[in-house]
Each structure stands twice: as C-alpha cells, then as structure tokens.
C-alpha atoms as a PDB file:
ATOM      1  CA  UNK A   1     106.281 135.653  90.069  1.00  0.00           C
ATOM      2  CA  UNK A   2     103.912 136.225  86.512  1.00  0.00           C
ATOM      3  CA  UNK A   3     100.572 136.444  86.122  1.00  0.00           C
ATOM      4  CA  UNK A   4      98.815 135.510  83.168  1.00  0.00           C
ATOM      5  CA  UNK A   5      94.925 135.541  82.093  1.00  0.00           C
ATOM      6  CA  UNK A   6      94.000 133.572  79.488  1.00  0.00           C
ATOM      7  CA  UNK A   7      90.585 133.835  77.772  1.00  0.00           C
ATOM      8  CA  UNK A   8      89.897 131.788  75.078  1.00  0.00           C
ATOM      9  CA  UNK A   9      86.973 131.952  72.113  1.00  0.00           C
ATOM     10  CA  UNK A  10      85.931 130.019  69.372  1.00  0.00           C
ATOM     11  CA  UNK A  11      83.636 130.901  66.383  1.00  0.00           C
ATOM     12  CA  UNK A  12      82.246 127.779  63.518  1.00  0.00           C
ATOM     13  CA  UNK A  13      79.987 128.299  60.620  1.00  0.00           C
ATOM     14  CA  UNK A  14      77.774 125.192  60.151  1.00  0.00           C
ATOM     15  CA  UNK A  15      75.409 124.295  57.356  1.00  0.00           C
ATOM     16  CA  UNK A  16      73.357 121.102  56.820  1.00  0.00           C
ATOM     17  CA  UNK A  17      71.893 119.946  53.516  1.00  0.00           C
ATOM     18  CA  UNK A  18      68.170 118.314  53.466  1.00  0.00           C
ATOM     19  CA  UNK A  19      67.450 115.125  51.714  1.00  0.00           C
ATOM     20  CA  UNK A  20      66.676 115.331  48.161  1.00  0.00           C
ATOM     21  CA  UNK A  21      63.349 114.059  48.721  1.00  0.00           C
ATOM     22  CA  UNK A  22      62.460 116.689  51.343  1.00  0.00           C
ATOM     23  CA  UNK A  23      61.385 120.202  49.376  1.00  0.00           C
ATOM     24  CA  UNK A  24      62.729 123.030  51.428  1.00  0.00           C
ATOM     25  CA  UNK A  25      61.827 125.922  52.150  1.00  0.00           C
ATOM     26  CA  UNK A  26      63.348 129.310  51.630  1.00  0.00           C
ATOM     27  CA  UNK A  27      65.541 130.234  53.896  1.00  0.00           C
ATOM     28  CA  UNK A  28      65.052 132.899  56.023  1.00  0.00           C
ATOM     29  CA  UNK A  29      67.788 135.924  56.128  1.00  0.00           C
ATOM     30  CA  UNK A  30      70.627 135.253  58.427  1.00  0.00           C
ATOM     31  CA  UNK A  31      71.788 138.046  60.692  1.00  0.00           C
ATOM     32  CA  UNK A  32      75.821 137.710  60.687  1.00  0.00           C
ATOM     33  CA  UNK A  33      75.865 138.578  64.417  1.00  0.00           C
ATOM     34  CA  UNK A  34      73.292 136.018  65.638  1.00  0.00           C
ATOM     35  CA  UNK A  35      73.064 133.119  63.493  1.00  0.00           C
ATOM     36  CA  UNK A  36      75.476 131.141  61.540  1.00  0.00           C
ATOM     37  CA  UNK A  37      72.670 128.909  59.911  1.00  0.00           C
ATOM     38  CA  UNK A  38      69.835 127.597  59.135  1.00  0.00           C
ATOM     39  CA  UNK A  39      67.575 124.464  58.030  1.00  0.00           C
ATOM     40  CA  UNK A  40      64.395 124.877  56.851  1.00  0.00           C
ATOM     41  CA  UNK A  41      63.687 127.556  58.549  1.00  0.00           C
ATOM     42  CA  UNK A  42      65.436 127.002  62.206  1.00  0.00           C
ATOM     43  CA  UNK A  43      68.085 128.817  62.935  1.00  0.00           C
ATOM     44  CA  UNK A  44      71.164 127.602  64.543  1.00  0.00           C
ATOM     45  CA  UNK A  45      72.496 130.493  66.789  1.00  0.00           C
ATOM     46  CA  UNK A  46      76.364 131.746  66.873  1.00  0.00           C
ATOM     47  CA  UNK A  47      75.955 131.978  70.577  1.00  0.00           C
ATOM     48  CA  UNK A  48      75.247 128.064  70.998  1.00  0.00           C
ATOM     49  CA  UNK A  49      77.992 126.968  68.702  1.00  0.00           C
ATOM     50  CA  UNK A  50      80.579 129.022  70.820  1.00  0.00           C
ATOM     51  CA  UNK A  51      78.780 127.858  74.178  1.00  0.00           C
ATOM     52  CA  UNK A  52      79.303 124.400  73.189  1.00  0.00           C
ATOM     53  CA  UNK A  53      82.817 124.474  71.674  1.00  0.00           C
ATOM     54  CA  UNK A  54      83.723 126.632  74.596  1.00  0.00           C
ATOM     55  CA  UNK A  55      82.447 123.919  76.938  1.00  0.00           C
ATOM     56  CA  UNK A  56      83.988 120.706  75.091  1.00  0.00           C
ATOM     57  CA  UNK A  57      87.169 122.441  74.020  1.00  0.00           C
ATOM     58  CA  UNK A  58      87.572 125.489  76.272  1.00  0.00           C
ATOM     59  CA  UNK A  59      89.426 124.411  78.838  1.00  0.00           C
ATOM     60  CA  UNK A  60      92.281 122.199  76.135  1.00  0.00           C
ATOM     61  CA  UNK A  61      92.746 125.154  73.906  1.00  0.00           C
ATOM     62  CA  UNK A  62      93.149 127.652  76.897  1.00  0.00           C
ATOM     63  CA  UNK A  63      95.958 125.531  78.476  1.00  0.00           C
ATOM     64  CA  UNK A  64      96.894 125.232  75.068  1.00  0.00           C
ATOM     65  CA  UNK A  65      97.188 129.079  74.204  1.00  0.00           C
ATOM     66  CA  UNK A  66      98.540 129.906  78.091  1.00  0.00           C
ATOM     67  CA  UNK A  67     101.242 127.248  77.486  1.00  0.00           C
ATOM     68  CA  UNK A  68     102.254 129.298  73.985  1.00  0.00           C
ATOM     69  CA  UNK A  69     102.366 132.890  76.597  1.00  0.00           C
ATOM     70  CA  UNK A  70     104.801 130.810  78.906  1.00  0.00           C
ATOM     71  CA  UNK A  71     107.296 129.782  75.906  1.00  0.00           C
ATOM     72  CA  UNK A  72     107.318 132.949  74.287  1.00  0.00           C
ATOM     73  CA  UNK A  73     108.109 134.411  77.664  1.00  0.00           C
ATOM     74  CA  UNK A  74     110.824 131.778  78.696  1.00  0.00           C
ATOM     75  CA  UNK A  75     112.274 132.471  74.842  1.00  0.00           C
ATOM     76  CA  UNK A  76     112.634 136.233  75.430  1.00  0.00           C
ATOM     77  CA  UNK A  77     114.173 136.004  78.815  1.00  0.00           C
ATOM     78  CA  UNK A  78     117.126 133.879  77.032  1.00  0.00           C
ATOM     79  CA  UNK A  79     117.213 136.020  73.853  1.00  0.00           C
ATOM     80  CA  UNK A  80     115.833 133.350  71.607  1.00  0.00           C
ATOM     81  CA  UNK A  81     113.758 134.226  68.625  1.00  0.00           C
ATOM     82  CA  UNK A  82     112.495 132.364  65.711  1.00  0.00           C
ATOM     83  CA  UNK A  83     112.266 134.138  62.103  1.00  0.00           C
ATOM     84  CA  UNK A  84     109.925 133.743  59.992  1.00  0.00           C
ATOM     85  CA  UNK A  85     111.963 131.889  57.200  1.00  0.00           C
ATOM     86  CA  UNK A  86     112.662 129.160  59.909  1.00  0.00           C
ATOM     87  CA  UNK A  87     108.376 129.216  59.791  1.00  0.00           C
ATOM     88  CA  UNK A  88     107.630 128.631  56.669  1.00  0.00           C
ATOM     89  CA  UNK A  89     110.385 125.940  56.131  1.00  0.00           C
ATOM     90  CA  UNK A  90     109.113 123.817  58.701  1.00  0.00           C
ATOM     91  CA  UNK A  91     105.832 124.301  57.371  1.00  0.00           C
ATOM     92  CA  UNK A  92     107.044 123.312  54.098  1.00  0.00           C
ATOM     93  CA  UNK A  93     108.235 120.044  55.785  1.00  0.00           C
ATOM     94  CA  UNK A  94     104.840 119.281  57.535  1.00  0.00           C
ATOM     95  CA  UNK A  95     103.061 120.038  53.721  1.00  0.00           C
ATOM     96  CA  UNK A  96     105.231 117.347  52.514  1.00  0.00           C
ATOM     97  CA  UNK A  97     105.052 114.801  54.945  1.00  0.00           C
ATOM     98  CA  UNK A  98     101.188 115.877  54.792  1.00  0.00           C
ATOM     99  CA  UNK A  99     100.865 115.009  51.565  1.00  0.00           C
ATOM    100  CA  UNK A 100     102.673 112.169  51.346  1.00  0.00           C
ATOM    101  CA  UNK A 101     100.178 109.872  53.113  1.00  0.00           C
ATOM    102  CA  UNK A 102      97.922 107.772  50.667  1.00  0.00           C
ATOM    103  CA  UNK A 103      95.198 109.013  49.288  1.00  0.00           C
ATOM    104  CA  UNK A 104      95.752 112.548  49.407  1.00  0.00           C
ATOM    105  CA  UNK A 105      93.795 114.970  47.246  1.00  0.00           C
ATOM    106  CA  UNK A 106      95.344 118.040  45.410  1.00  0.00           C
ATOM    107  CA  UNK A 107      93.286 120.175  47.037  1.00  0.00           C
ATOM    108  CA  UNK A 108      93.382 118.420  50.840  1.00  0.00           C
ATOM    109  CA  UNK A 109      96.195 121.140  51.809  1.00  0.00           C
ATOM    110  CA  UNK A 110      93.858 123.858  51.445  1.00  0.00           C
ATOM    111  CA  UNK A 111      91.139 122.738  53.102  1.00  0.00           C
ATOM    112  CA  UNK A 112      93.676 121.830  55.849  1.00  0.00           C
ATOM    113  CA  UNK A 113      94.588 125.950  55.778  1.00  0.00           C
ATOM    114  CA  UNK A 114      90.734 126.860  55.523  1.00  0.00           C
ATOM    115  CA  UNK A 115      90.008 124.465  58.379  1.00  0.00           C
ATOM    116  CA  UNK A 116      93.158 125.882  60.445  1.00  0.00           C
ATOM    117  CA  UNK A 117      94.082 129.360  59.369  1.00  0.00           C
ATOM    118  CA  UNK A 118      97.217 130.115  57.941  1.00  0.00           C
ATOM    119  CA  UNK A 119      98.175 132.649  60.764  1.00  0.00           C
ATOM    120  CA  UNK A 120      96.972 129.318  63.093  1.00  0.00           C
ATOM    121  CA  UNK A 121      99.122 127.260  61.772  1.00  0.00           C
ATOM    122  CA  UNK A 122     102.291 129.838  61.924  1.00  0.00           C
ATOM    123  CA  UNK A 123     101.850 130.639  65.229  1.00  0.00           C
ATOM    124  CA  UNK A 124     101.792 127.114  66.228  1.00  0.00           C
ATOM    125  CA  UNK A 125     105.018 125.969  64.093  1.00  0.00           C
ATOM    126  CA  UNK A 126     106.734 129.202  65.512  1.00  0.00           C
ATOM    127  CA  UNK A 127     105.972 127.783  69.344  1.00  0.00           C
ATOM    128  CA  UNK A 128     107.057 124.386  68.118  1.00  0.00           C
ATOM    129  CA  UNK A 129     110.381 126.107  66.914  1.00  0.00           C
ATOM    130  CA  UNK A 130     111.064 127.733  70.280  1.00  0.00           C
ATOM    131  CA  UNK A 131     110.293 124.914  72.408  1.00  0.00           C
ATOM    132  CA  UNK A 132     112.945 123.142  70.840  1.00  0.00           C
ATOM    133  CA  UNK A 133     115.483 125.701  70.864  1.00  0.00           C
ATOM    134  CA  UNK A 134     114.909 126.176  74.238  1.00  0.00           C
ATOM    135  CA  UNK A 135     115.368 122.598  75.006  1.00  0.00           C
ATOM    136  CA  UNK A 136     118.814 122.653  73.295  1.00  0.00           C
ATOM    137  CA  UNK A 137     119.917 125.471  74.945  1.00  0.00           C
ATOM    138  CA  UNK A 138     118.991 124.617  78.061  1.00  0.00           C
ATOM    139  CA  UNK A 139     120.644 121.050  77.610  1.00  0.00           C
ATOM    140  CA  UNK A 140     123.885 122.919  76.645  1.00  0.00           C
ATOM    141  CA  UNK A 141     124.103 124.600  80.136  1.00  0.00           C
ATOM    142  CA  UNK A 142     123.269 120.806  81.659  1.00  0.00           C
ATOM    143  CA  UNK A 143     125.955 119.329  84.292  1.00  0.00           C
ATOM    144  CA  UNK A 144     125.667 116.680  86.053  1.00  0.00           C
ATOM    145  CA  UNK A 145     125.336 117.318  89.922  1.00  0.00           C
ATOM    146  CA  UNK A 146     127.772 116.050  92.656  1.00  0.00           C
ATOM    147  CA  UNK A 147     124.863 113.767  94.022  1.00  0.00           C
ATOM    148  CA  UNK A 148     124.380 112.382  90.282  1.00  0.00           C
ATOM    149  CA  UNK A 149     128.115 111.754  89.872  1.00  0.00           C
ATOM    150  CA  UNK A 150     128.003 109.925  93.036  1.00  0.00           C
ATOM    151  CA  UNK A 151     125.783 107.821  91.934  1.00  0.00           C
ATOM    152  CA  UNK A 152     127.442 106.773  88.666  1.00  0.00           C
ATOM    153  CA  UNK A 153     130.365 106.082  90.716  1.00  0.00           C
ATOM    154  CA  UNK A 154     128.385 104.193  92.933  1.00  0.00           C
ATOM    155  CA  UNK A 155     126.935 102.250  90.017  1.00  0.00           C
ATOM    156  CA  UNK A 156     130.217 101.812  88.635  1.00  0.00           C
ATOM    157  CA  UNK A 157     131.757 100.372  91.599  1.00  0.00           C
ATOM    158  CA  UNK A 158     128.786  97.779  92.266  1.00  0.00           C
ATOM    159  CA  UNK A 159     128.772  96.656  89.242  1.00  0.00           C
ATOM    160  CA  UNK A 160     132.615  96.088  89.348  1.00  0.00           C
ATOM    161  CA  UNK A 161     132.084  93.011  91.234  1.00  0.00           C
ATOM    162  CA  UNK A 162     130.278  90.217  90.733  1.00  0.00           C
ATOM    163  CA  UNK A 163     129.484  86.341  92.060  1.00  0.00           C
ATOM    164  CA  UNK A 164     127.723  83.753  90.016  1.00  0.00           C
ATOM    165  CA  UNK A 165     126.352  81.821  92.521  1.00  0.00           C
ATOM    166  CA  UNK A 166     123.959  78.869  93.286  1.00  0.00           C
ATOM    167  CA  UNK A 167     121.629  78.222  96.374  1.00  0.00           C
ATOM    168  CA  UNK A 168     119.695  75.869  98.377  1.00  0.00           C
ATOM    169  CA  UNK A 169     116.815  77.676 100.136  1.00  0.00           C
ATOM    170  CA  UNK A 170     114.966  76.111 103.003  1.00  0.00           C
ATOM    171  CA  UNK A 171     111.840  79.099 103.546  1.00  0.00           C
ATOM    172  CA  UNK A 172     110.409  79.943 106.688  1.00  0.00           C
ATOM    173  CA  UNK A 173     106.513  81.216 107.404  1.00  0.00           C
ATOM    174  CA  UNK A 174     102.961  80.038 105.679  1.00  0.00           C
ATOM    175  CA  UNK A 175     103.910  80.005 101.846  1.00  0.00           C
ATOM    176  CA  UNK A 176     106.672  77.093 102.821  1.00  0.00           C
ATOM    177  CA  UNK A 177     104.204  74.989 104.918  1.00  0.00           C
ATOM    178  CA  UNK A 178     104.112  77.178 107.797  1.00  0.00           C
ATOM    179  CA  UNK A 179     107.292  76.145 108.800  1.00  0.00           C
ATOM    180  CA  UNK A 180     109.187  78.252 111.794  1.00  0.00           C
ATOM    181  CA  UNK A 181     112.308  79.353 112.240  1.00  0.00           C
ATOM    182  CA  UNK A 182     114.043  76.296 113.895  1.00  0.00           C
ATOM    183  CA  UNK A 183     112.690  73.944 111.657  1.00  0.00           C
ATOM    184  CA  UNK A 184     113.792  75.925 108.683  1.00  0.00           C
ATOM    185  CA  UNK A 185     117.373  76.029 110.287  1.00  0.00           C
ATOM    186  CA  UNK A 186     117.402  72.265 111.093  1.00  0.00           C
ATOM    187  CA  UNK A 187     116.622  71.502 108.228  1.00  0.00           C
ATOM    188  CA  UNK A 188     119.239  73.796 106.211  1.00  0.00           C
ATOM    189  CA  UNK A 189     121.609  71.927 108.818  1.00  0.00           C
ATOM    190  CA  UNK A 190     120.397  68.622 107.318  1.00  0.00           C
ATOM    191  CA  UNK A 191     120.772  69.448 103.869  1.00  0.00           C
ATOM    192  CA  UNK A 192     124.553  70.979 104.480  1.00  0.00           C
ATOM    193  CA  UNK A 193     125.634  67.762 106.354  1.00  0.00           C
ATOM    194  CA  UNK A 194     124.699  65.700 103.776  1.00  0.00           C
ATOM    195  CA  UNK A 195     126.766  68.173 101.192  1.00  0.00           C
ATOM    196  CA  UNK A 196     130.096  67.907 103.821  1.00  0.00           C
ATOM    197  CA  UNK A 197     129.262  63.955 103.875  1.00  0.00           C
ATOM    198  CA  UNK A 198     129.579  63.670 100.152  1.00  0.00           C
ATOM    199  CA  UNK A 199     126.097  64.165  98.835  1.00  0.00           C
ATOM    200  CA  UNK A 200     125.460  65.517  95.383  1.00  0.00           C
ATOM    201  CA  UNK A 201     124.646  69.086  95.406  1.00  0.00           C
ATOM    202  CA  UNK A 202     122.017  68.656  92.609  1.00  0.00           C
ATOM    203  CA  UNK A 203     120.047  65.662  94.459  1.00  0.00           C
ATOM    204  CA  UNK A 204     120.170  68.148  96.891  1.00  0.00           C
ATOM    205  CA  UNK A 205     118.804  71.081  95.395  1.00  0.00           C
ATOM    206  CA  UNK A 206     115.872  68.820  94.041  1.00  0.00           C
ATOM    207  CA  UNK A 207     115.421  67.025  97.895  1.00  0.00           C
ATOM    208  CA  UNK A 208     115.157  70.871 100.201  1.00  0.00           C
ATOM    209  CA  UNK A 209     115.112  73.333  97.842  1.00  0.00           C
ATOM    210  CA  UNK A 210     112.022  75.811  98.031  1.00  0.00           C
ATOM    211  CA  UNK A 211     112.731  77.639  95.380  1.00  0.00           C
ATOM    212  CA  UNK A 212     111.036  76.596  92.340  1.00  0.00           C
ATOM    213  CA  UNK A 213     112.637  78.927  89.715  1.00  0.00           C
ATOM    214  CA  UNK A 214     116.153  77.573  90.697  1.00  0.00           C
ATOM    215  CA  UNK A 215     115.191  74.315  91.650  1.00  0.00           C
ATOM    216  CA  UNK A 216     115.442  72.718  87.968  1.00  0.00           C
ATOM    217  CA  UNK A 217     118.798  74.232  86.990  1.00  0.00           C
ATOM    218  CA  UNK A 218     121.265  73.638  90.221  1.00  0.00           C
ATOM    219  CA  UNK A 219     119.671  76.296  92.493  1.00  0.00           C
ATOM    220  CA  UNK A 220     121.885  79.038  89.527  1.00  0.00           C
ATOM    221  CA  UNK A 221     121.342  82.144  90.093  1.00  0.00           C
ATOM    222  CA  UNK A 222     121.989  84.990  87.476  1.00  0.00           C
ATOM    223  CA  UNK A 223     125.037  86.642  87.870  1.00  0.00           C
ATOM    224  CA  UNK A 224     124.098  89.344  90.509  1.00  0.00           C
ATOM    225  CA  UNK A 225     126.302  92.631  91.392  1.00  0.00           C
ATOM    226  CA  UNK A 226     125.779  93.898  94.883  1.00  0.00           C
ATOM    227  CA  UNK A 227     122.573  95.622  95.765  1.00  0.00           C
ATOM    228  CA  UNK A 228     120.442  92.903  93.553  1.00  0.00           C
ATOM    229  CA  UNK A 229     119.815  91.027  96.076  1.00  0.00           C
ATOM    230  CA  UNK A 230     118.496  91.032 100.370  1.00  0.00           C
ATOM    231  CA  UNK A 231     121.291  92.218 102.377  1.00  0.00           C
ATOM    232  CA  UNK A 232     122.341  89.100 104.141  1.00  0.00           C
ATOM    233  CA  UNK A 233     122.803  87.008 100.981  1.00  0.00           C
ATOM    234  CA  UNK A 234     125.060  89.668  99.484  1.00  0.00           C
ATOM    235  CA  UNK A 235     127.027  90.019 102.502  1.00  0.00           C
ATOM    236  CA  UNK A 236     127.785  86.505 102.794  1.00  0.00           C
ATOM    237  CA  UNK A 237     128.247  85.728  98.936  1.00  0.00           C
ATOM    238  CA  UNK A 238     130.609  88.502  98.470  1.00  0.00           C
ATOM    239  CA  UNK A 239     132.627  87.446 101.443  1.00  0.00           C
ATOM    240  CA  UNK A 240     133.359  83.837  99.553  1.00  0.00           C
ATOM    241  CA  UNK A 241     135.857  83.425  97.143  1.00  0.00           C
ATOM    242  CA  UNK A 242     135.171  81.100  93.867  1.00  0.00           C
ATOM    243  CA  UNK A 243     134.911  77.932  94.600  1.00  0.00           C
ATOM    244  CA  UNK A 244     133.489  78.296  98.254  1.00  0.00           C
ATOM    245  CA  UNK A 245     130.446  76.872  99.797  1.00  0.00           C
ATOM    246  CA  UNK A 246     128.784  78.575 103.302  1.00  0.00           C
ATOM    247  CA  UNK A 247     130.053  76.723 105.921  1.00  0.00           C
ATOM    248  CA  UNK A 248     126.867  77.623 108.400  1.00  0.00           C
ATOM    249  CA  UNK A 249     123.418  78.733 106.761  1.00  0.00           C
ATOM    250  CA  UNK A 250     122.645  82.023 105.804  1.00  0.00           C
ATOM    251  CA  UNK A 251     119.865  83.370 107.432  1.00  0.00           C
ATOM    252  CA  UNK A 252     117.425  86.079 104.787  1.00  0.00           C
ATOM    253  CA  UNK A 253     114.639  87.723 105.126  1.00  0.00           C
ATOM    254  CA  UNK A 254     112.897  84.206 103.375  1.00  0.00           C
ATOM    255  CA  UNK A 255     114.598  82.040 105.527  1.00  0.00           C
ATOM    256  CA  UNK A 256     118.037  80.102 105.315  1.00  0.00           C
ATOM    257  CA  UNK A 257     119.970  79.271 102.168  1.00  0.00           C
ATOM    258  CA  UNK A 258     123.244  77.137 101.347  1.00  0.00           C
ATOM    259  CA  UNK A 259     125.459  79.258  99.072  1.00  0.00           C
ATOM    260  CA  UNK A 260     127.889  78.410  96.643  1.00  0.00           C
ATOM    261  CA  UNK A 261     130.048  80.854  94.810  1.00  0.00           C
ATOM    262  CA  UNK A 262     131.065  79.348  91.364  1.00  0.00           C
ATOM    263  CA  UNK A 263     132.639  82.836  90.180  1.00  0.00           C
ATOM    264  CA  UNK A 264     133.504  86.202  91.417  1.00  0.00           C
ATOM    265  CA  UNK A 265     135.012  88.630  89.756  1.00  0.00           C
ATOM    266  CA  UNK A 266     136.415  91.989  90.690  1.00  0.00           C
ATOM    267  CA  UNK A 267     137.110  94.071  88.099  1.00  0.00           C
ATOM    268  CA  UNK A 268     139.032  97.644  88.645  1.00  0.00           C
ATOM    269  CA  UNK A 269     136.707 100.734  87.780  1.00  0.00           C
ATOM    270  CA  UNK A 270     139.124 102.712  85.103  1.00  0.00           C
ATOM    271  CA  UNK A 271     139.048 106.368  84.832  1.00  0.00           C
ATOM    272  CA  UNK A 272     138.117 105.454  80.823  1.00  0.00           C
ATOM    273  CA  UNK A 273     135.081 103.777  82.648  1.00  0.00           C
ATOM    274  CA  UNK A 274     134.445 106.394  84.996  1.00  0.00           C
ATOM    275  CA  UNK A 275     134.811 109.176  82.311  1.00  0.00           C
ATOM    276  CA  UNK A 276     132.572 106.841  80.001  1.00  0.00           C
ATOM    277  CA  UNK A 277     130.102 106.849  82.262  1.00  0.00           C
ATOM    278  CA  UNK A 278     129.369 110.565  83.355  1.00  0.00           C
ATOM    279  CA  UNK A 279     129.547 111.086  79.628  1.00  0.00           C
ATOM    280  CA  UNK A 280     126.574 108.586  78.600  1.00  0.00           C
ATOM    281  CA  UNK A 281     124.791 109.715  81.881  1.00  0.00           C
ATOM    282  CA  UNK A 282     125.032 113.853  81.307  1.00  0.00           C
ATOM    283  CA  UNK A 283     123.927 112.888  77.476  1.00  0.00           C
ATOM    284  CA  UNK A 284     120.598 111.101  78.470  1.00  0.00           C
ATOM    285  CA  UNK A 285     119.697 113.794  81.224  1.00  0.00           C
ATOM    286  CA  UNK A 286     120.518 116.258  78.349  1.00  0.00           C
ATOM    287  CA  UNK A 287     118.101 114.541  75.945  1.00  0.00           C
ATOM    288  CA  UNK A 288     115.597 114.649  78.252  1.00  0.00           C
ATOM    289  CA  UNK A 289     115.918 118.542  78.763  1.00  0.00           C
ATOM    290  CA  UNK A 290     116.235 119.214  75.108  1.00  0.00           C
ATOM    291  CA  UNK A 291     112.890 116.955  74.140  1.00  0.00           C
ATOM    292  CA  UNK A 292     111.211 118.545  71.189  1.00  0.00           C
ATOM    293  CA  UNK A 293     107.922 118.319  73.180  1.00  0.00           C
ATOM    294  CA  UNK A 294     109.737 120.635  76.016  1.00  0.00           C
ATOM    295  CA  UNK A 295     108.851 117.769  78.290  1.00  0.00           C
ATOM    296  CA  UNK A 296     112.172 118.427  79.894  1.00  0.00           C
ATOM    297  CA  UNK A 297     112.183 121.985  80.631  1.00  0.00           C
ATOM    298  CA  UNK A 298     108.757 123.403  80.397  1.00  0.00           C
ATOM    299  CA  UNK A 299     106.960 121.827  83.875  1.00  0.00           C
ATOM    300  CA  UNK A 300     109.736 123.347  85.878  1.00  0.00           C
ATOM    301  CA  UNK A 301     109.124 126.991  83.831  1.00  0.00           C
ATOM    302  CA  UNK A 302     105.631 126.259  84.017  1.00  0.00           C
ATOM    303  CA  UNK A 303     105.801 126.115  87.879  1.00  0.00           C
ATOM    304  CA  UNK A 304     107.088 129.825  88.073  1.00  0.00           C
ATOM    305  CA  UNK A 305     104.096 131.297  86.736  1.00  0.00           C
ATOM    306  CA  UNK A 306     100.248 131.874  87.917  1.00  0.00           C
ATOM    307  CA  UNK A 307      97.574 131.458  85.316  1.00  0.00           C
ATOM    308  CA  UNK A 308      94.479 132.953  85.709  1.00  0.00           C
ATOM    309  CA  UNK A 309      91.662 131.529  83.608  1.00  0.00           C
ATOM    310  CA  UNK A 310      88.405 133.239  83.022  1.00  0.00           C
ATOM    311  CA  UNK A 311      85.654 130.228  81.958  1.00  0.00           C
ATOM    312  CA  UNK A 312      82.105 132.215  82.099  1.00  0.00           C
ATOM    313  CA  UNK A 313      80.327 129.328  80.188  1.00  0.00           C
ATOM    314  CA  UNK A 314      81.482 127.308  83.578  1.00  0.00           C
ATOM    315  CA  UNK A 315      79.387 129.664  85.809  1.00  0.00           C
ATOM    316  CA  UNK A 316      76.281 129.119  84.025  1.00  0.00           C
END
C-alpha cells in the first residue's frame, strides 16, 4: 500500500482602495514577510490571509493535489506520459473556448493566467490528459465477466417472451374497503361466472376491477416480459396462449386477478442478437471506465492508497 502525505499552503495579495472623500494617511512600509497589504495604516497580515484561505479551501485543495499525486503514480505504472506539446495544444483549445464567451476582453486571458499561474495551469492540464489516457488504457483492457455475460443472456431470454394482457383485479386489504381474502375470491369468482355466462369484459372491468389505472382502458396492461410483474401473475399469463382467459382467479400479493391474454409472442434469440447485445453492454462498460473525469477507474485506484493529511490550522 502506497503512502502519501500531502501538505497545502496558499499565498495571496490583497489591496483596498479608500473612497474618494477620504484622505488616506501615508502607508507605512509593508514587510513582505509579515503583511500583504495596509489600509490607512492598518496592516493585513500574510499569516491571517493564509490561515483563512487554508481553513476555507484547504481540505478541497489538499484532496485535489492528493488526487494528482495518485494520477501521476497510476500513469507511471502503465508507462503513460504526457508531452509538453500535448499540454500546450490543450491549453490553446482551452484559450480559444475561454475567449469565445460573449463580452471577453483582449486582456482577460492574461488576467486569468496571472490569477491561476502558467505552471499551475500546465500541471492541471497535464493531469486532465493523463486521467483521460489512463481511462482509455483501462477501457481497452476491459472485458465482460462471466456473470455479466450471463445477465445479458438472461435479459435477452426474458425479452424474447412477451404477453399483451388485460386484467380484472379484485383487491384485498385496507386499501380495498378492508376486503378479506375470502371476500375477494368470492367476488372474483362471481365476475368470472358472469364472464363465462356471456357478460361483456368491458362491463365487468367497470363493475369489478379495483385497478383504477387500467379500469378505463378495458383493464389493458402494457406489453410485458418476464420479471416485470409479480411471480404469480407471470406464471399464469405465460402459461396461457393468445386468446386465453384464466379458468380460475389467480391469487397475487394484492388480490385476485382474472387474466385475458390478447397476444403471446415468443421470439427466438439469434446469435446475431446475442453478439449485438454483448457488444453494446461491453461498450457501455468501457465508456464508463474511459470517462474523461476519471470516475470510472480512479475510485478503484484511489482505494489502494493511504492518504495522510496534515492540516495544522485545524488544531488551533
């Protein structure tokens, strides 16, 4: 396990301009080692600025620099490097995008560089490029596990069998007028008897069904595959053929249902479909790993490092 100790400090220069009405007193000499500014004789200590910046931004910047150490270490492991030319090309692209914003002035880029620092910008860009390169490297080496392949095959198998069905639901429990299981079963049998005697399905849906989401559309459900509905409904529906109506009410976790299967489809899973599905899932997996922000591979890599932060301002 690698061990990294990260220490971060900040320096800043602050100046203030008095109002036009005030008559500023002569500024006393400012010692570079002690103060960063003076306002009408009142000095602003360098230590106070650094301490404030460290307290407010120190943890974030510490983590940022620690992450950069990890990225560089991971790049070295893989023999991945970034050239000065690559860095400058990326900075040129960034400068073009920066200056394209409406309202930019010619000196805005210069001001930006003064705030950030040319070296800091180059370091940040280098880390960005290394992060992307590591992601591409890891993505190219990534394959699906046996478990992932099996999951894809299971999904294909489920999707190859579909039913388009309608239902009359007789609910059980408090949300259905405290109807008991026995009462629900009796009511479901009553509806099924009327259906077998020639009553119209739509009329029975309106009279008996407790499913308000399907009551006004003849009890019709969306076309479903396996594992989309509860097990009891699924087993009954997929045991039926197109045009079948369940001979007895089917007990489910919410009550009893009478099922009418309008269409049953069983489509063979071809080798072409298998190959295409596996390729698509692999592509998504590799895209996640190759994410330019490093989220795909960096979290795993970082978990192998021990990071010790030393932030003395937190002890005061």
